[in-house]
PDB file of N, CA and C in Angstrom:
ATOM      1  N   UNK A   1      -1.048  -3.359   7.375  1.00  0.00           N
ATOM      2  CA  UNK A   1      -1.082  -2.635   6.338  1.00  0.00           C
ATOM      3  C   UNK A   1       0.018  -1.589   6.189  1.00  0.00           C
ATOM      4  N   UNK A   2       0.257  -0.555   7.261  1.00  0.00           N
ATOM      5  CA  UNK A   2       1.483   0.310   6.946  1.00  0.00           C
ATOM      6  C   UNK A   2       2.720  -0.315   7.702  1.00  0.00           C
ATOM      7  N   UNK A   3       2.233  -1.215   8.666  1.00  0.00           N
ATOM      8  CA  UNK A   3       3.241  -2.029   9.507  1.00  0.00           C
ATOM      9  C   UNK A   3       4.148  -3.001   8.387  1.00  0.00           C
ATOM     10  N   UNK A   4       3.196  -3.546   7.569  1.00  0.00           N
ATOM     11  CA  UNK A   4       3.500  -4.549   6.666  1.00  0.00           C
ATOM     12  C   UNK A   4       4.858  -3.592   5.564  1.00  0.00           C
ATOM     13  N   UNK A   5       4.464  -2.625   5.147  1.00  0.00           N
ATOM     14  CA  UNK A   5       5.204  -1.707   4.386  1.00  0.00           C
ATOM     15  C   UNK A   5       6.626  -1.472   4.915  1.00  0.00           C
ATOM     16  N   UNK A   6       6.238  -0.999   6.120  1.00  0.00           N
ATOM     17  CA  UNK A   6       7.432  -0.533   7.070  1.00  0.00           C
ATOM     18  C   UNK A   6       8.590  -1.859   6.994  1.00  0.00           C
ATOM     19  N   UNK A   7       8.086  -2.907   7.256  1.00  0.00           N
ATOM     20  CA  UNK A   7       8.646  -4.031   7.527  1.00  0.00           C
ATOM     21  C   UNK A   7       9.467  -4.532   6.375  1.00  0.00           C
ATOM     22  N   UNK A   8       8.755  -4.496   5.073  1.00  0.00           N
ATOM     23  CA  UNK A   8       9.244  -4.859   3.922  1.00  0.00           C
ATOM     24  C   UNK A   8      10.477  -3.668   3.436  1.00  0.00           C
ATOM     25  N   UNK A   9      10.365  -2.636   3.666  1.00  0.00           N
ATOM     26  CA  UNK A   9      11.187  -1.704   3.507  1.00  0.00           C
ATOM     27  C   UNK A   9      12.597  -1.770   4.210  1.00  0.00           C
ATOM     28  N   UNK A  10      12.384  -2.076   5.440  1.00  0.00           N
ATOM     29  CA  UNK A  10      13.341  -2.470   6.527  1.00  0.00           C
ATOM     30  C   UNK A  10      14.238  -3.742   6.223  1.00  0.00           C
ATOM     31  N   UNK A  11      13.291  -4.685   5.626  1.00  0.00           N
ATOM     32  CA  UNK A  11      14.231  -5.779   5.312  1.00  0.00           C
ATOM     33  C   UNK A  11      14.951  -5.785   3.812  1.00  0.00           C
ATOM     34  N   UNK A  12      14.165  -5.044   3.052  1.00  0.00           N
ATOM     35  CA  UNK A  12      14.711  -4.817   1.537  1.00  0.00           C
ATOM     36  C   UNK A  12      16.233  -3.889   1.751  1.00  0.00           C
ATOM     37  N   UNK A  13      16.099  -3.021   3.008  1.00  0.00           N
ATOM     38  CA  UNK A  13      17.056  -2.444   3.066  1.00  0.00           C
ATOM     39  C   UNK A  13      18.219  -2.978   4.045  1.00  0.00           C
ATOM     40  N   UNK A  14      18.105  -4.463   4.396  1.00  0.00           N
ATOM     41  CA  UNK A  14      18.973  -5.323   5.158  1.00  0.00           C
ATOM     42  C   UNK A  14      19.340  -4.832   6.276  1.00  0.00           C
ATOM     43  N   UNK A  15      18.339  -4.213   7.064  1.00  0.00           N
ATOM     44  CA  UNK A  15      18.412  -3.614   8.639  1.00  0.00           C
ATOM     45  C   UNK A  15      17.597  -4.590   9.584  1.00  0.00           C
ATOM     46  N   UNK A  16      18.041  -4.743  10.461  1.00  0.00           N
ATOM     47  CA  UNK A  16      17.281  -5.183  11.799  1.00  0.00           C
ATOM     48  C   UNK A  16      16.421  -4.383  12.397  1.00  0.00           C
ATOM     49  N   UNK A  17      15.493  -4.818  13.212  1.00  0.00           N
ATOM     50  CA  UNK A  17      14.796  -3.821  13.870  1.00  0.00           C
ATOM     51  C   UNK A  17      15.721  -3.008  14.811  1.00  0.00           C
ATOM     52  N   UNK A  18      16.694  -3.345  15.336  1.00  0.00           N
ATOM     53  CA  UNK A  18      17.631  -2.695  16.403  1.00  0.00           C
ATOM     54  C   UNK A  18      18.354  -1.668  15.579  1.00  0.00           C
ATOM     55  N   UNK A  19      18.658  -2.073  14.008  1.00  0.00           N
ATOM     56  CA  UNK A  19      19.394  -0.904  13.523  1.00  0.00           C
ATOM     57  C   UNK A  19      18.775   0.114  13.256  1.00  0.00           C
ATOM     58  N   UNK A  20      17.444  -0.131  12.623  1.00  0.00           N
ATOM     59  CA  UNK A  20      16.630   0.574  12.229  1.00  0.00           C
ATOM     60  C   UNK A  20      16.146   1.710  13.172  1.00  0.00           C
ATOM     61  N   UNK A  21      15.679   1.129  14.331  1.00  0.00           N
ATOM     62  CA  UNK A  21      15.480   1.984  15.650  1.00  0.00           C
ATOM     63  C   UNK A  21      16.552   2.874  15.899  1.00  0.00           C
ATOM     64  N   UNK A  22      17.872   2.258  15.989  1.00  0.00           N
ATOM     65  CA  UNK A  22      19.056   3.346  16.375  1.00  0.00           C
ATOM     66  C   UNK A  22      18.970   4.439  15.215  1.00  0.00           C
ATOM     67  N   UNK A  23      18.983   4.091  14.031  1.00  0.00           N
ATOM     68  CA  UNK A  23      19.010   5.221  12.947  1.00  0.00           C
ATOM     69  C   UNK A  23      17.926   6.326  13.224  1.00  0.00           C
ATOM     70  N   UNK A  24      16.820   5.839  13.582  1.00  0.00           N
ATOM     71  CA  UNK A  24      15.536   6.597  13.760  1.00  0.00           C
ATOM     72  C   UNK A  24      15.270   7.355  14.919  1.00  0.00           C
ATOM     73  N   UNK A  25      16.146   6.906  15.900  1.00  0.00           N
ATOM     74  CA  UNK A  25      16.212   7.284  17.332  1.00  0.00           C
ATOM     75  C   UNK A  25      15.036   6.889  17.932  1.00  0.00           C
ATOM     76  N   UNK A  26      14.502   5.721  17.841  1.00  0.00           N
ATOM     77  CA  UNK A  26      13.061   5.428  18.531  1.00  0.00           C
ATOM     78  C   UNK A  26      13.492   3.886  19.156  1.00  0.00           C
ATOM     79  N   UNK A  27      12.735   3.396  20.034  1.00  0.00           N
ATOM     80  CA  UNK A  27      12.946   2.333  20.549  1.00  0.00           C
ATOM     81  C   UNK A  27      12.483   1.075  19.974  1.00  0.00           C
ATOM     82  N   UNK A  28      13.136   0.080  19.836  1.00  0.00           N
ATOM     83  CA  UNK A  28      12.955  -1.053  19.043  1.00  0.00           C
ATOM     84  C   UNK A  28      11.612  -1.580  19.191  1.00  0.00           C
ATOM     85  N   UNK A  29      11.336  -1.664  20.560  1.00  0.00           N
ATOM     86  CA  UNK A  29       9.819  -2.152  20.832  1.00  0.00           C
ATOM     87  C   UNK A  29       8.834  -1.308  20.308  1.00  0.00           C
ATOM     88  N   UNK A  30       9.010  -0.196  20.036  1.00  0.00           N
ATOM     89  CA  UNK A  30       7.853   0.645  19.360  1.00  0.00           C
ATOM     90  C   UNK A  30       8.085   0.544  18.101  1.00  0.00           C
ATOM     91  N   UNK A  31       9.167   0.201  17.486  1.00  0.00           N
ATOM     92  CA  UNK A  31       9.155  -0.106  16.038  1.00  0.00           C
ATOM     93  C   UNK A  31       8.267  -1.630  15.618  1.00  0.00           C
ATOM     94  N   UNK A  32       8.787  -2.351  16.526  1.00  0.00           N
ATOM     95  CA  UNK A  32       8.006  -3.929  16.314  1.00  0.00           C
ATOM     96  C   UNK A  32       6.617  -3.631  16.613  1.00  0.00           C
ATOM     97  N   UNK A  33       6.101  -2.939  17.552  1.00  0.00           N
ATOM     98  CA  UNK A  33       4.446  -2.706  17.723  1.00  0.00           C
ATOM     99  C   UNK A  33       4.074  -1.926  16.134  1.00  0.00           C
ATOM    100  N   UNK A  34       4.854  -1.059  15.667  1.00  0.00           N
ATOM    101  CA  UNK A  34       4.539  -0.501  14.328  1.00  0.00           C
ATOM    102  C   UNK A  34       4.408  -1.476  13.227  1.00  0.00           C
ATOM    103  N   UNK A  35       5.475  -2.282  13.194  1.00  0.00           N
ATOM    104  CA  UNK A  35       5.481  -3.293  12.319  1.00  0.00           C
ATOM    105  C   UNK A  35       4.351  -4.392  12.353  1.00  0.00           C
ATOM    106  N   UNK A  36       3.935  -4.615  13.417  1.00  0.00           N
ATOM    107  CA  UNK A  36       2.870  -5.609  13.764  1.00  0.00           C
ATOM    108  C   UNK A  36       1.374  -4.801  13.769  1.00  0.00           C
ATOM    109  N   UNK A  37       1.178  -3.521  13.532  1.00  0.00           N
ATOM    110  CA  UNK A  37       0.094  -2.898  13.113  1.00  0.00           C
ATOM    111  C   UNK A  37      -0.576  -2.670  14.562  1.00  0.00           C
ATOM    112  N   UNK A  38       0.251  -2.904  15.717  1.00  0.00           N
ATOM    113  CA  UNK A  38      -0.517  -2.508  16.965  1.00  0.00           C
ATOM    114  C   UNK A  38      -0.433  -1.373  17.604  1.00  0.00           C
ATOM    115  N   UNK A  39       0.316  -0.291  16.795  1.00  0.00           N
ATOM    116  CA  UNK A  39       0.229   1.000  17.046  1.00  0.00           C
ATOM    117  C   UNK A  39       0.369   1.715  15.832  1.00  0.00           C
ATOM    118  N   UNK A  40       0.000   3.159  15.486  1.00  0.00           N
ATOM    119  CA  UNK A  40       0.146   3.830  14.351  1.00  0.00           C
ATOM    120  C   UNK A  40       0.970   5.027  14.659  1.00  0.00           C
ATOM    121  N   UNK A  41       1.828   5.238  13.780  1.00  0.00           N
ATOM    122  CA  UNK A  41       2.925   6.258  14.042  1.00  0.00           C
ATOM    123  C   UNK A  41       2.236   7.916  13.814  1.00  0.00           C
ATOM    124  N   UNK A  42       2.840   8.776  14.493  1.00  0.00           N
ATOM    125  CA  UNK A  42       2.328  10.043  14.109  1.00  0.00           C
ATOM    126  C   UNK A  42       3.268  10.401  12.862  1.00  0.00           C
ATOM    127  N   UNK A  43       2.811  11.570  12.211  1.00  0.00           N
ATOM    128  CA  UNK A  43       3.227  11.790  11.031  1.00  0.00           C
ATOM    129  C   UNK A  43       4.931  12.081  11.038  1.00  0.00           C
ATOM    130  N   UNK A  44       5.142  12.803  12.186  1.00  0.00           N
ATOM    131  CA  UNK A  44       6.667  12.728  12.572  1.00  0.00           C
ATOM    132  C   UNK A  44       7.370  11.682  12.650  1.00  0.00           C
ATOM    133  N   UNK A  45       6.832  10.744  13.212  1.00  0.00           N
ATOM    134  CA  UNK A  45       7.566   9.444  13.694  1.00  0.00           C
ATOM    135  C   UNK A  45       7.582   8.971  12.170  1.00  0.00           C
ATOM    136  N   UNK A  46       6.647   8.725  11.185  1.00  0.00           N
ATOM    137  CA  UNK A  46       6.545   8.127   9.940  1.00  0.00           C
ATOM    138  C   UNK A  46       7.627   8.638   9.209  1.00  0.00           C
ATOM    139  N   UNK A  47       7.928   9.912   9.199  1.00  0.00           N
ATOM    140  CA  UNK A  47       9.034  10.750   8.329  1.00  0.00           C
ATOM    141  C   UNK A  47      10.216  10.133   9.146  1.00  0.00           C
ATOM    142  N   UNK A  48      10.523  10.210  10.257  1.00  0.00           N
ATOM    143  CA  UNK A  48      11.887   9.839  11.008  1.00  0.00           C
ATOM    144  C   UNK A  48      12.336   8.412  10.327  1.00  0.00           C
ATOM    145  N   UNK A  49      11.262   7.545  10.543  1.00  0.00           N
ATOM    146  CA  UNK A  49      11.314   5.847  10.018  1.00  0.00           C
ATOM    147  C   UNK A  49      11.772   6.150   8.467  1.00  0.00           C
ATOM    148  N   UNK A  50      10.904   6.728   7.740  1.00  0.00           N
ATOM    149  CA  UNK A  50      11.312   6.764   6.372  1.00  0.00           C
ATOM    150  C   UNK A  50      12.670   7.298   6.059  1.00  0.00           C
ATOM    151  N   UNK A  51      12.859   8.374   6.611  1.00  0.00           N
ATOM    152  CA  UNK A  51      14.419   9.040   6.283  1.00  0.00           C
ATOM    153  C   UNK A  51      15.428   8.165   6.851  1.00  0.00           C
ATOM    154  N   UNK A  52      15.236   7.448   7.739  1.00  0.00           N
ATOM    155  CA  UNK A  52      16.212   6.224   8.294  1.00  0.00           C
ATOM    156  C   UNK A  52      16.360   5.361   7.279  1.00  0.00           C
ATOM    157  N   UNK A  53      15.153   4.983   6.520  1.00  0.00           N
ATOM    158  CA  UNK A  53      15.298   4.020   5.509  1.00  0.00           C
ATOM    159  C   UNK A  53      15.774   4.568   4.198  1.00  0.00           C
ATOM    160  N   UNK A  54      15.758   5.721   4.092  1.00  0.00           N
ATOM    161  CA  UNK A  54      16.252   6.415   2.881  1.00  0.00           C
ATOM    162  C   UNK A  54      15.151   6.318   1.786  1.00  0.00           C
ATOM    163  N   UNK A  55      13.884   6.283   2.181  1.00  0.00           N
ATOM    164  CA  UNK A  55      12.642   6.606   1.169  1.00  0.00           C
ATOM    165  C   UNK A  55      11.554   7.711   1.766  1.00  0.00           C
ATOM    166  N   UNK A  56      11.052   8.187   0.806  1.00  0.00           N
ATOM    167  CA  UNK A  56      10.012   8.973   1.015  1.00  0.00           C
ATOM    168  C   UNK A  56       8.493   8.291   1.686  1.00  0.00           C
ATOM    169  N   UNK A  57       8.296   9.239   2.885  1.00  0.00           N
ATOM    170  CA  UNK A  57       6.885   8.618   3.524  1.00  0.00           C
ATOM    171  C   UNK A  57       5.824   8.668   2.305  1.00  0.00           C
ATOM    172  N   UNK A  58       5.829   9.384   1.631  1.00  0.00           N
ATOM    173  CA  UNK A  58       4.716   9.461   0.417  1.00  0.00           C
ATOM    174  C   UNK A  58       4.816   7.990  -0.079  1.00  0.00           C
ATOM    175  N   UNK A  59       5.836   7.443  -0.557  1.00  0.00           N
ATOM    176  CA  UNK A  59       5.794   6.328  -1.605  1.00  0.00           C
ATOM    177  C   UNK A  59       5.446   5.290  -0.448  1.00  0.00           C
ATOM    178  N   UNK A  60       5.381   5.298   0.694  1.00  0.00           N
ATOM    179  CA  UNK A  60       5.082   4.184   1.917  1.00  0.00           C
ATOM    180  C   UNK A  60       3.488   4.336   1.637  1.00  0.00           C
ATOM    181  N   UNK A  61       2.971   5.491   2.035  1.00  0.00           N
ATOM    182  CA  UNK A  61       1.547   5.994   2.114  1.00  0.00           C
ATOM    183  C   UNK A  61       0.723   5.578   0.891  1.00  0.00           C
ATOM    184  N   UNK A  62       1.347   5.700  -0.313  1.00  0.00           N
ATOM    185  CA  UNK A  62       0.818   5.706  -1.571  1.00  0.00           C
ATOM    186  C   UNK A  62       0.549   4.101  -1.799  1.00  0.00           C
ATOM    187  N   UNK A  63       1.436   3.301  -1.289  1.00  0.00           N
ATOM    188  CA  UNK A  63       1.182   1.772  -1.451  1.00  0.00           C
ATOM    189  C   UNK A  63       0.182   1.169  -0.754  1.00  0.00           C
ATOM    190  N   UNK A  64      -0.273   2.035   0.502  1.00  0.00           N
ATOM    191  CA  UNK A  64      -1.390   1.413   1.450  1.00  0.00           C
ATOM    192  C   UNK A  64      -2.957   2.081   0.962  1.00  0.00           C
ATOM    193  N   UNK A  65      -2.969   2.953   0.256  1.00  0.00           N
ATOM    194  CA  UNK A  65      -4.128   4.063  -0.184  1.00  0.00           C
ATOM    195  C   UNK A  65      -5.056   3.018  -0.978  1.00  0.00           C
TER     196      UNK A  65
END
């Protein structure tokens, strides 16, 4: 759910997991776990990732409601 939306936005932005993780200042393996819905991000982490993608967190959340 959330992971699929994050992955969709990442690929739409033309970023690898490594590039997005570097922009968001998180570990690539953590991003992979989020994208595969093995972990759920905190709100702070969701904001960091979405900021790195250049989108609003509310946009991503709205899609999965």
